[in-house]
Amino acid sequence: MLIQSDKKQIEALGMSEISVQEQLRDFQEGFPSVKLIKPALLNQGILTFDQAELTKLIRLYESSLAVKKVVKFVPASGAATRMFQALFECLGTTTEGLGLSSLAVQNKAVQTFFKQLKDFAFYEELEQLLINKGLSVDDPFHILNCLLTAQGLNYGQLPKGLIKFHREDGILRTATEEHIVEACAYASSGAGEVYLHFTVSQEHQEKFEEHVAIIKDTYQTKYGVKIVINYSQQQKATDTIAVDLENNPVRNQQGALLFRPAGHGALLENLNGIEADLIFIKNIDNVVPDRLKFETIRYKKLLAGTLLSFQSVAFDLLNILEQAPTDQQVIEINGWVRDHLGYVSDAPLDRKQLFEVLNRPMRVCGMVKSEGNPGGGPFWVQNKEARTLQIVETAQVNFEQKDQKQIFEVATHFNPVDIVCGVRNFQGIKFDLIKYRDPSTGFITQKSKDGKPLKALELPGLWNGAMASWNTIFVEVPLITFNPVKSINDLLLPEHV
């Protein structure tokens, strides 16, 4: 199936022929669905804390900042094109000077956008641009053209991180700025350093750097910190091969193999390259103005304190297991692993097995009560080793199996991507995170190229199969901490205006 020129191409991309052959086999065989046992519920996989416990855990985290290096990791490479989908469709049917087309008038999202246009943080900038160009500030065509295209703000091609989300004391803030401000409030080390890492596309990194260079000093002065920002791109070597509907490799007009980005699971390589003790993960579009940051900051600290608390116990147990534990100690450690770490095996584990289970990366994941939100959630899952806590996406579930469908549908919480990671072992050595990914949890999706259908392979999701063998703790967090901006009109919600 692969010819000599393919092998040269694969090598030039930094890939191995073996991995590409494995991908082709995955297309042929598919991926197994997860086996859901039950949803994680409050006090049945999802922890809650009273006020005294919350305060204690927050203080534990705050006291650790003098000796721990903390990094905030923000996936930010995606363009905002989908955020403006309704407006792009409107622009395509709108003519200069003729107002909105009948099709656009019937679109409620478009109606809302124009009705509340002046409420968007970017409106003044857009209005001034139209005036400077001598264009009507009331003409829908000019408004959309200047907002979405290179004729103006070019928001339709920018990444979300560079779009003006909020007004704060008369100053416009991008999503990137909001992440910086948020990090200054909970991730400042004892030396006053705040570390952030954004994954960006290569074409946009320079724009990010220019933007940060303009605004960084303002926040360093305001919060009395030193802000250190690093960037990385999704590595080309993590791209996966595309196939047609008969599972044959797709080629371009020159006959070369077609490779595609492999989804956010590919960012495990980027995460693995970060030197830190604790890593916070949060999506680029989940930010709020300052007036709503208090709860977000408080619960970020709670998640980190929970991690440190569990990590401390796990490290103590590992030190015991390294020596010569008594039979009673082995029994007690089995109980803690089962009752507190969410690892339920059919039979008691011996000393070696306990050591292997405890000596893994650890994550604490915030979970929000579901209000019909799409996406993944917290579940108890059966794997080869045991029943464990996992974040499961809809694409991983076989909904044709009635019991699996029912289990998924009765889940009470969903995953807002609010995660704190502990990536060092009990001896302070950084884990190789790649070793804790489950390769069997990838996804096959339907795409198209030049109008022709194809199949693409995505690596196990970053917080799904990519962390399948991590020790996982779920903690309930309030809904106010989850305010994503998926469409432009989300910026009109009370949490963003």
Protein backbone atom coordinates (compact mmCIF):
# COMPACT_ATOMS: atom_id res chain seq x y z
CA MET A 1 0.00 0.00 0.00
CA LEU A 2 2.97 2.30 0.67
CA ILE A 3 5.51 2.87 -2.09
CA GLN A 4 9.13 3.99 -1.82
CA SER A 5 8.34 7.69 -2.28
CA ASP A 6 5.78 7.40 0.55
CA LYS A 7 8.46 6.10 2.88
CA LYS A 8 10.71 9.04 2.06
CA GLN A 9 7.83 11.46 2.67
CA ILE A 10 7.03 9.81 6.01
CA GLU A 11 10.65 10.03 7.12
CA ALA A 12 10.90 13.68 6.06
CA LEU A 13 7.86 14.49 8.22
CA GLY A 14 9.52 12.98 11.27
CA MET A 15 7.15 10.01 11.36
CA SER A 16 7.84 6.30 11.30
CA GLU A 17 6.58 3.87 8.69
CA ILE A 18 5.43 1.58 11.50
CA SER A 19 3.16 4.25 13.00
CA VAL A 20 1.61 5.03 9.60
CA GLN A 21 0.99 1.32 8.99
CA GLU A 22 -0.66 1.15 12.41
CA GLN A 23 -2.90 4.06 11.44
CA LEU A 24 -3.94 2.27 8.25
CA ARG A 25 -4.74 -0.80 10.33
CA ASP A 26 -6.82 1.36 12.68
CA PHE A 27 -8.92 2.49 9.71
CA GLN A 28 -9.46 -1.14 8.72
CA GLU A 29 -10.28 -2.43 12.19
CA GLY A 30 -11.76 0.65 13.83
CA PHE A 31 -11.53 1.49 17.52
CA PRO A 32 -13.42 -0.32 20.28
CA SER A 33 -16.09 1.62 22.11
CA VAL A 34 -15.57 2.29 25.79
CA LYS A 35 -17.48 0.15 28.25
CA LEU A 36 -19.41 2.46 30.55
CA ILE A 37 -20.21 1.02 33.98
CA LYS A 38 -22.10 4.01 35.38
CA PRO A 39 -21.89 7.79 35.42
CA ALA A 40 -19.78 9.45 38.08
CA LEU A 41 -22.19 11.15 40.47
CA LEU A 42 -21.83 13.34 43.55
CA ASN A 43 -20.06 11.30 46.24
CA GLN A 44 -19.90 8.41 43.77
CA GLY A 45 -16.88 9.57 41.83
CA ILE A 46 -17.37 13.35 42.06
CA LEU A 47 -16.18 15.08 45.22
CA THR A 48 -17.73 18.09 46.92
CA PHE A 49 -16.30 20.06 49.83
CA ASP A 50 -17.82 22.09 52.62
CA GLN A 51 -16.59 25.62 53.27
CA ALA A 52 -14.00 24.56 55.86
CA GLU A 53 -12.52 21.90 53.57
CA LEU A 54 -12.52 24.30 50.63
CA THR A 55 -10.65 26.94 52.62
CA LYS A 56 -8.11 24.38 53.86
CA LEU A 57 -7.37 23.08 50.35
CA ILE A 58 -7.07 26.59 48.92
CA ARG A 59 -4.55 27.48 51.62
CA LEU A 60 -2.62 24.28 50.90
CA TYR A 61 -2.24 25.35 47.29
CA GLU A 62 -1.39 28.96 48.12
CA SER A 63 1.34 27.87 50.53
CA SER A 64 2.85 25.62 47.86
CA LEU A 65 3.44 28.46 45.39
CA ALA A 66 6.71 29.36 47.11
CA VAL A 67 8.24 26.05 45.99
CA LYS A 68 6.11 24.82 43.07
CA LYS A 69 6.41 25.89 39.45
CA VAL A 70 2.94 26.36 37.99
CA VAL A 71 2.13 26.72 34.28
CA LYS A 72 -1.21 27.53 32.67
CA PHE A 73 -1.62 25.56 29.41
CA VAL A 74 -4.11 27.00 26.91
CA PRO A 75 -4.92 25.28 23.58
CA ALA A 76 -5.42 28.28 21.29
CA SER A 77 -4.57 27.23 17.75
CA GLY A 78 -8.04 27.07 16.22
CA ALA A 79 -9.30 29.87 13.98
CA ALA A 80 -12.57 31.54 14.95
CA THR A 81 -14.23 30.73 11.61
CA ARG A 82 -16.96 28.55 13.15
CA MET A 83 -17.70 31.26 15.70
CA PHE A 84 -18.82 33.48 12.80
CA GLN A 85 -20.53 30.83 10.67
CA ALA A 86 -23.96 32.51 10.61
CA LEU A 87 -22.39 35.87 9.73
CA PHE A 88 -20.33 34.39 6.90
CA GLU A 89 -23.49 32.87 5.44
CA CYS A 90 -25.18 36.26 5.77
CA LEU A 91 -22.28 38.06 4.07
CA GLY A 92 -22.53 35.67 1.14
CA THR A 93 -26.13 36.73 0.48
CA THR A 94 -25.81 40.44 1.28
CA THR A 95 -25.21 43.20 -1.28
CA GLU A 96 -23.80 46.66 -0.64
CA GLY A 97 -26.54 49.24 -0.16
CA LEU A 98 -29.43 46.77 -0.30
CA GLY A 99 -29.65 45.77 3.35
CA LEU A 100 -30.00 42.21 4.56
CA SER A 101 -31.27 39.54 2.20
CA SER A 102 -34.58 37.85 2.97
CA LEU A 103 -32.63 34.72 3.91
CA ALA A 104 -30.48 36.63 6.41
CA VAL A 105 -33.51 38.40 7.91
CA GLN A 106 -34.99 35.00 8.78
CA ASN A 107 -31.86 33.96 10.68
CA LYS A 108 -32.40 34.67 14.39
CA ALA A 109 -28.68 34.69 15.13
CA VAL A 110 -28.12 37.35 12.47
CA GLN A 111 -31.07 39.40 13.77
CA THR A 112 -29.65 39.29 17.30
CA PHE A 113 -26.18 40.26 16.09
CA PHE A 114 -27.37 43.43 14.33
CA LYS A 115 -29.90 44.35 17.02
CA GLN A 116 -27.22 44.29 19.73
CA LEU A 117 -24.20 45.21 17.61
CA LYS A 118 -23.26 48.12 19.87
CA ASP A 119 -23.06 45.80 22.88
CA PHE A 120 -20.05 43.92 21.50
CA ALA A 121 -16.70 44.93 22.97
CA PHE A 122 -15.26 45.35 19.48
CA TYR A 123 -18.01 47.69 18.22
CA GLU A 124 -16.16 50.99 18.74
CA GLU A 125 -13.14 49.63 16.90
CA LEU A 126 -15.34 48.41 14.05
CA GLU A 127 -17.27 51.68 13.89
CA GLN A 128 -14.08 53.76 13.75
CA LEU A 129 -12.72 51.56 10.99
CA LEU A 130 -15.86 52.07 8.90
CA ILE A 131 -15.72 55.84 9.44
CA ASN A 132 -12.04 55.98 8.49
CA LYS A 133 -12.84 54.12 5.27
CA GLY A 134 -15.74 56.44 4.49
CA LEU A 135 -18.22 53.58 4.70
CA SER A 136 -21.71 53.53 6.16
CA VAL A 137 -21.83 52.36 9.77
CA ASP A 138 -25.38 51.13 9.15
CA ASP A 139 -24.86 49.09 5.98
CA PRO A 140 -24.94 45.35 6.84
CA PHE A 141 -22.60 44.48 3.97
CA HIS A 142 -19.90 46.91 5.09
CA ILE A 143 -20.31 45.91 8.74
CA LEU A 144 -19.85 42.22 7.98
CA ASN A 145 -17.14 42.75 5.39
CA CYS A 146 -15.08 44.92 7.75
CA LEU A 147 -15.63 42.60 10.69
CA LEU A 148 -14.91 39.27 9.02
CA THR A 149 -12.46 39.85 6.17
CA ALA A 150 -9.02 41.28 5.52
CA GLN A 151 -10.80 44.45 4.36
CA GLY A 152 -11.11 45.27 8.05
CA LEU A 153 -10.63 43.51 11.39
CA ASN A 154 -10.36 40.09 9.70
CA TYR A 155 -11.98 38.39 12.69
CA GLY A 156 -13.14 35.52 10.52
CA GLN A 157 -9.54 34.39 10.03
CA LEU A 158 -8.07 35.27 13.41
CA PRO A 159 -7.74 32.76 16.25
CA LYS A 160 -10.19 33.24 19.12
CA GLY A 161 -7.36 34.33 21.37
CA LEU A 162 -6.92 37.57 19.41
CA ILE A 163 -10.58 38.61 19.32
CA LYS A 164 -11.77 41.38 21.63
CA PHE A 165 -14.11 39.65 24.09
CA HIS A 166 -14.73 42.16 26.88
CA ARG A 167 -14.58 45.79 27.99
CA GLU A 168 -12.84 46.42 31.31
CA ASP A 169 -12.73 49.98 32.63
CA GLY A 170 -12.96 51.30 29.09
CA ILE A 171 -10.19 48.98 27.85
CA LEU A 172 -10.87 46.21 25.35
CA ARG A 173 -9.55 42.79 26.28
CA THR A 174 -8.91 39.76 24.10
CA ALA A 175 -9.43 36.21 25.31
CA THR A 176 -5.65 35.94 25.62
CA GLU A 177 -5.55 38.94 27.95
CA GLU A 178 -8.29 37.45 30.11
CA HIS A 179 -6.25 34.26 30.49
CA ILE A 180 -3.22 36.31 31.51
CA VAL A 181 -5.19 38.30 34.08
CA GLU A 182 -6.74 35.13 35.46
CA ALA A 183 -3.34 33.43 35.76
CA CYS A 184 -1.92 36.44 37.60
CA ALA A 185 -4.56 35.87 40.27
CA TYR A 186 -3.86 32.21 41.05
CA ALA A 187 -0.64 31.06 39.38
CA SER A 188 1.97 33.54 40.61
CA SER A 189 4.99 31.83 42.14
CA GLY A 190 6.84 32.92 45.26
CA ALA A 191 9.20 34.87 43.02
CA GLY A 192 6.25 36.62 41.39
CA GLU A 193 6.52 34.79 38.07
CA VAL A 194 3.42 33.83 36.10
CA TYR A 195 3.95 31.19 33.41
CA LEU A 196 1.55 30.60 30.53
CA HIS A 197 1.89 28.32 27.52
CA PHE A 198 -0.32 28.82 24.46
CA THR A 199 -0.47 26.28 21.65
CA VAL A 200 -0.96 28.27 18.45
CA SER A 201 -0.79 27.71 14.72
CA GLN A 202 2.45 28.67 13.03
CA GLU A 203 0.70 31.28 10.89
CA HIS A 204 -0.67 33.07 13.97
CA GLN A 205 2.23 32.89 16.42
CA GLU A 206 3.73 36.20 15.31
CA LYS A 207 0.37 37.92 15.82
CA PHE A 208 0.14 36.47 19.34
CA GLU A 209 3.67 37.64 20.12
CA GLU A 210 2.95 41.15 18.82
CA HIS A 211 -0.26 41.36 20.83
CA VAL A 212 1.36 40.16 24.06
CA ALA A 213 4.29 42.54 23.59
CA ILE A 214 1.83 45.45 23.55
CA ILE A 215 -0.17 44.49 26.63
CA LYS A 216 2.21 42.53 28.87
CA ASP A 217 3.83 45.46 30.70
CA THR A 218 0.41 46.81 31.65
CA TYR A 219 -0.47 43.65 33.53
CA GLN A 220 3.00 43.15 34.97
CA THR A 221 2.77 46.61 36.52
CA LYS A 222 -0.85 46.22 37.62
CA TYR A 223 -0.33 42.89 39.38
CA GLY A 224 3.32 43.22 40.39
CA VAL A 225 4.42 40.07 38.59
CA LYS A 226 6.71 38.91 35.81
CA ILE A 227 4.70 37.30 33.02
CA VAL A 228 6.50 34.56 31.09
CA ILE A 229 4.69 33.31 27.99
CA ASN A 230 5.77 30.46 25.73
CA TYR A 231 4.22 29.15 22.54
CA SER A 232 4.30 25.88 20.66
CA GLN A 233 2.63 24.43 17.59
CA GLN A 234 0.98 21.08 17.11
CA GLN A 235 3.86 18.99 15.82
CA LYS A 236 3.64 17.89 12.18
CA ALA A 237 4.96 14.50 13.21
CA THR A 238 1.68 13.93 15.08
CA ASP A 239 -0.42 14.34 11.91
CA THR A 240 -2.21 11.20 10.77
CA ILE A 241 -2.80 9.75 7.32
CA ALA A 242 -6.13 10.26 5.55
CA VAL A 243 -7.91 7.51 3.62
CA ASP A 244 -10.83 7.26 1.22
CA LEU A 245 -14.04 5.42 2.05
CA GLU A 246 -12.38 2.14 1.01
CA ASN A 247 -9.50 2.81 3.44
CA ASN A 248 -6.97 3.51 0.70
CA PRO A 249 -4.49 6.35 1.36
CA VAL A 250 -5.59 9.68 -0.11
CA ARG A 251 -3.04 11.44 -2.29
CA ASN A 252 -2.73 14.98 -3.58
CA GLN A 253 -2.39 15.92 -7.25
CA GLN A 254 1.36 15.31 -7.07
CA GLY A 255 0.82 11.79 -5.73
CA ALA A 256 2.01 12.53 -2.19
CA LEU A 257 0.18 11.11 0.81
CA LEU A 258 -2.30 13.39 2.55
CA PHE A 259 -1.74 13.87 6.28
CA ARG A 260 -4.06 15.83 8.55
CA PRO A 261 -3.83 17.34 12.05
CA ALA A 262 -4.85 14.65 14.54
CA GLY A 263 -7.08 16.66 16.90
CA HIS A 264 -6.37 18.06 20.35
CA GLY A 265 -4.96 14.71 21.47
CA ALA A 266 -1.84 15.58 19.49
CA LEU A 267 -1.18 18.33 22.05
CA LEU A 268 -0.07 15.65 24.51
CA GLU A 269 3.37 16.08 22.94
CA ASN A 270 3.26 19.81 23.74
CA LEU A 271 2.04 19.17 27.28
CA ASN A 272 4.77 16.59 27.74
CA GLY A 273 7.40 19.19 26.91
CA ILE A 274 6.44 21.57 29.72
CA GLU A 275 8.71 21.73 32.76
CA ALA A 276 6.46 22.32 35.76
CA ASP A 277 5.13 20.79 38.94
CA LEU A 278 1.51 21.71 38.31
CA ILE A 279 -0.14 22.45 34.96
CA PHE A 280 -3.58 24.05 34.65
CA ILE A 281 -5.47 23.30 31.42
CA LYS A 282 -8.28 25.53 30.18
CA ASN A 283 -9.70 26.29 26.73
CA ILE A 284 -9.03 29.67 25.12
CA ASP A 285 -12.69 30.73 24.89
CA ASN A 286 -13.69 30.02 28.50
CA VAL A 287 -13.03 33.38 30.15
CA VAL A 288 -15.06 36.05 31.95
CA PRO A 289 -14.69 39.74 32.85
CA ASP A 290 -13.06 40.66 36.18
CA ARG A 291 -16.39 41.01 38.01
CA LEU A 292 -16.96 37.25 37.62
CA LYS A 293 -13.41 35.99 38.10
CA PHE A 294 -13.61 35.49 41.87
CA GLU A 295 -15.33 32.09 41.73
CA THR A 296 -13.15 30.94 38.84
CA ILE A 297 -9.99 31.82 40.77
CA ARG A 298 -11.27 30.26 43.99
CA TYR A 299 -12.12 26.97 42.34
CA LYS A 300 -8.88 26.86 40.38
CA LYS A 301 -7.09 27.02 43.72
CA LEU A 302 -9.42 24.36 45.12
CA LEU A 303 -8.65 21.96 42.27
CA ALA A 304 -4.92 22.48 42.74
CA GLY A 305 -5.19 22.06 46.52
CA THR A 306 -7.12 18.84 46.00
CA LEU A 307 -4.38 17.57 43.72
CA LEU A 308 -1.66 18.39 46.24
CA SER A 309 -3.63 16.72 49.03
CA PHE A 310 -4.14 13.48 47.09
CA GLN A 311 -0.61 13.61 45.73
CA SER A 312 0.82 13.90 49.24
CA VAL A 313 -0.97 10.73 50.37
CA ALA A 314 0.02 8.87 47.21
CA PHE A 315 3.67 9.87 47.64
CA ASP A 316 3.66 8.70 51.28
CA LEU A 317 2.20 5.36 50.22
CA LEU A 318 4.78 4.97 47.46
CA ASN A 319 7.56 5.50 49.98
CA ILE A 320 6.04 2.77 52.16
CA LEU A 321 5.72 0.41 49.19
CA GLU A 322 9.35 1.04 48.23
CA GLN A 323 10.44 -0.39 51.57
CA ALA A 324 9.00 -3.57 53.06
CA PRO A 325 5.30 -2.96 53.79
CA THR A 326 3.47 -5.27 56.16
CA ASP A 327 0.50 -7.30 54.99
CA GLN A 328 -1.76 -4.93 56.92
CA GLN A 329 -0.25 -1.91 55.17
CA VAL A 330 -0.84 -3.53 51.77
CA ILE A 331 -4.49 -4.11 52.74
CA GLU A 332 -4.88 -0.49 53.86
CA ILE A 333 -3.22 0.87 50.71
CA ASN A 334 -5.59 -1.26 48.61
CA GLY A 335 -8.48 0.34 50.46
CA TRP A 336 -7.24 3.89 49.80
CA VAL A 337 -6.66 3.20 46.11
CA ARG A 338 -10.16 1.75 45.79
CA ASP A 339 -12.06 4.26 47.92
CA HIS A 340 -10.22 7.50 47.17
CA LEU A 341 -8.34 7.11 43.89
CA GLY A 342 -11.15 5.71 41.78
CA TYR A 343 -9.32 2.51 40.86
CA VAL A 344 -11.49 -0.55 41.51
CA SER A 345 -9.91 -3.90 40.64
CA ASP A 346 -11.61 -7.29 40.82
CA ALA A 347 -8.98 -8.66 43.19
CA PRO A 348 -6.67 -7.03 45.76
CA LEU A 349 -3.44 -5.69 44.30
CA ASP A 350 -0.04 -6.89 45.46
CA ARG A 351 2.81 -4.57 46.42
CA LYS A 352 4.20 -4.32 42.87
CA GLN A 353 0.77 -3.66 41.36
CA LEU A 354 -0.03 -1.01 43.96
CA PHE A 355 3.25 0.75 43.28
CA GLU A 356 2.53 0.79 39.54
CA VAL A 357 -0.99 2.17 40.05
CA LEU A 358 0.10 4.90 42.46
CA ASN A 359 3.18 5.93 40.49
CA ARG A 360 1.33 7.66 37.67
CA PRO A 361 0.53 11.22 36.61
CA MET A 362 -2.42 12.63 38.54
CA ARG A 363 -5.14 15.04 37.46
CA VAL A 364 -8.01 16.75 39.21
CA CYS A 365 -10.85 17.70 36.87
CA GLY A 366 -13.62 20.16 37.61
CA MET A 367 -17.09 18.90 36.66
CA VAL A 368 -20.14 21.11 36.14
CA LYS A 369 -23.79 20.13 36.56
CA SER A 370 -25.22 19.35 33.16
CA GLU A 371 -27.88 21.57 31.64
CA GLY A 372 -28.11 19.75 28.35
CA ASN A 373 -24.58 20.71 27.37
CA PRO A 374 -23.06 18.77 24.48
CA GLY A 375 -19.78 16.94 24.86
CA GLY A 376 -18.11 14.56 27.24
CA GLY A 377 -18.61 13.82 30.88
CA PRO A 378 -17.36 11.85 33.90
CA PHE A 379 -17.93 8.09 33.98
CA TRP A 380 -16.80 4.88 35.58
CA VAL A 381 -15.29 2.82 32.77
CA GLN A 382 -14.19 -0.81 32.59
CA ASN A 383 -10.75 -1.30 31.07
CA LYS A 384 -8.33 -4.22 31.01
CA GLU A 385 -7.00 -3.46 34.48
CA ALA A 386 -9.94 -2.24 36.53
CA ARG A 387 -12.89 0.12 36.75
CA THR A 388 -11.56 3.65 36.63
CA LEU A 389 -12.77 7.23 36.36
CA GLN A 390 -12.55 8.66 32.84
CA ILE A 391 -13.76 11.65 30.83
CA VAL A 392 -15.70 10.12 27.95
CA GLU A 393 -16.77 11.80 24.69
CA THR A 394 -19.88 10.86 22.73
CA ALA A 395 -17.72 9.52 19.88
CA GLN A 396 -16.31 6.87 22.24
CA VAL A 397 -19.72 5.40 23.11
CA ASN A 398 -21.70 2.80 21.17
CA PHE A 399 -25.19 4.29 21.39
CA GLU A 400 -26.65 1.28 19.57
CA GLN A 401 -26.17 -0.64 22.80
CA LYS A 402 -29.19 0.27 24.91
CA ASP A 403 -27.43 0.00 28.27
CA GLN A 404 -24.55 2.23 27.15
CA LYS A 405 -26.96 4.83 25.77
CA GLN A 406 -28.92 4.86 29.02
CA ILE A 407 -25.80 5.22 31.17
CA PHE A 408 -24.56 8.14 29.09
CA GLU A 409 -27.93 9.88 29.15
CA VAL A 410 -28.35 9.77 32.95
CA ALA A 411 -25.03 11.51 33.61
CA THR A 412 -25.53 14.55 35.84
CA HIS A 413 -22.29 16.41 35.04
CA PHE A 414 -20.18 17.34 32.03
CA ASN A 415 -16.57 18.19 31.33
CA PRO A 416 -15.84 21.95 31.04
CA VAL A 417 -12.08 21.31 30.55
CA ASP A 418 -11.01 22.66 33.93
CA ILE A 419 -8.04 20.46 34.80
CA VAL A 420 -4.99 20.56 37.05
CA CYS A 421 -2.20 18.09 36.31
CA GLY A 422 0.52 16.73 38.57
CA VAL A 423 3.26 15.55 36.23
CA ARG A 424 6.11 14.62 38.61
CA ASN A 425 6.51 11.39 40.56
CA PHE A 426 7.20 10.95 44.27
CA GLN A 427 10.92 11.46 43.63
CA GLY A 428 10.35 14.72 41.76
CA ILE A 429 11.08 13.19 38.35
CA LYS A 430 8.84 14.24 35.46
CA PHE A 431 6.65 11.52 33.99
CA ASP A 432 6.81 10.72 30.29
CA LEU A 433 3.14 11.42 29.63
CA ILE A 434 3.12 9.55 26.31
CA LYS A 435 3.41 6.26 28.23
CA TYR A 436 0.04 6.86 29.88
CA ARG A 437 -2.00 7.27 26.69
CA ASP A 438 -4.35 4.50 25.56
CA PRO A 439 -3.83 4.16 21.77
CA SER A 440 -7.08 2.20 21.41
CA THR A 441 -9.20 5.27 22.23
CA GLY A 442 -8.71 7.22 19.00
CA PHE A 443 -11.49 8.53 16.75
CA ILE A 444 -12.30 8.08 13.07
CA THR A 445 -14.15 11.05 11.57
CA GLN A 446 -15.67 11.90 8.19
CA LYS A 447 -14.10 14.85 6.35
CA SER A 448 -13.78 16.05 2.76
CA LYS A 449 -11.02 17.27 0.47
CA ASP A 450 -11.68 19.02 -2.83
CA GLY A 451 -15.31 17.96 -2.59
CA LYS A 452 -14.48 14.28 -2.10
CA PRO A 453 -15.28 12.42 1.13
CA LEU A 454 -12.45 10.97 3.18
CA LYS A 455 -11.82 9.50 6.60
CA ALA A 456 -9.49 11.10 9.13
CA LEU A 457 -7.97 9.65 12.26
CA GLU A 458 -7.75 11.62 15.48
CA LEU A 459 -5.45 10.64 18.30
CA PRO A 460 -6.98 9.90 21.72
CA GLY A 461 -8.42 13.17 23.04
CA LEU A 462 -6.10 15.19 25.28
CA TRP A 463 -8.32 14.82 28.36
CA ASN A 464 -9.82 11.49 27.21
CA GLY A 465 -7.70 8.58 26.03
CA ALA A 466 -4.49 10.61 26.12
CA MET A 467 -4.85 10.61 29.93
CA ALA A 468 -6.55 7.22 30.23
CA SER A 469 -3.89 5.78 32.56
CA TRP A 470 -3.59 8.84 34.80
CA ASN A 471 -4.98 8.78 38.32
CA THR A 472 -8.14 10.88 38.11
CA ILE A 473 -10.14 12.81 40.70
CA PHE A 474 -13.36 14.63 39.83
CA VAL A 475 -14.52 17.69 41.80
CA GLU A 476 -17.79 19.56 41.33
CA VAL A 477 -17.32 23.20 40.32
CA PRO A 478 -20.09 25.82 39.87
CA LEU A 479 -21.59 26.57 36.48
CA ILE A 480 -20.40 30.19 36.68
CA THR A 481 -16.85 28.91 36.04
CA PHE A 482 -17.89 27.69 32.57
CA ASN A 483 -18.63 30.44 30.06
CA PRO A 484 -17.35 29.38 26.63
CA VAL A 485 -17.76 31.47 23.50
CA LYS A 486 -18.72 29.09 20.70
CA SER A 487 -20.65 31.57 18.57
CA ILE A 488 -20.32 35.34 18.25
CA ASN A 489 -23.62 35.96 20.05
CA ASP A 490 -22.34 34.18 23.17
CA LEU A 491 -20.48 37.45 23.80
CA LEU A 492 -23.90 39.04 24.37
CA LEU A 493 -24.69 36.78 27.32
CA PRO A 494 -24.75 38.47 30.76
CA GLU A 495 -21.52 36.69 31.70
CA HIS A 496 -19.64 38.49 28.92
CA VAL A 497 -21.25 41.93 28.57
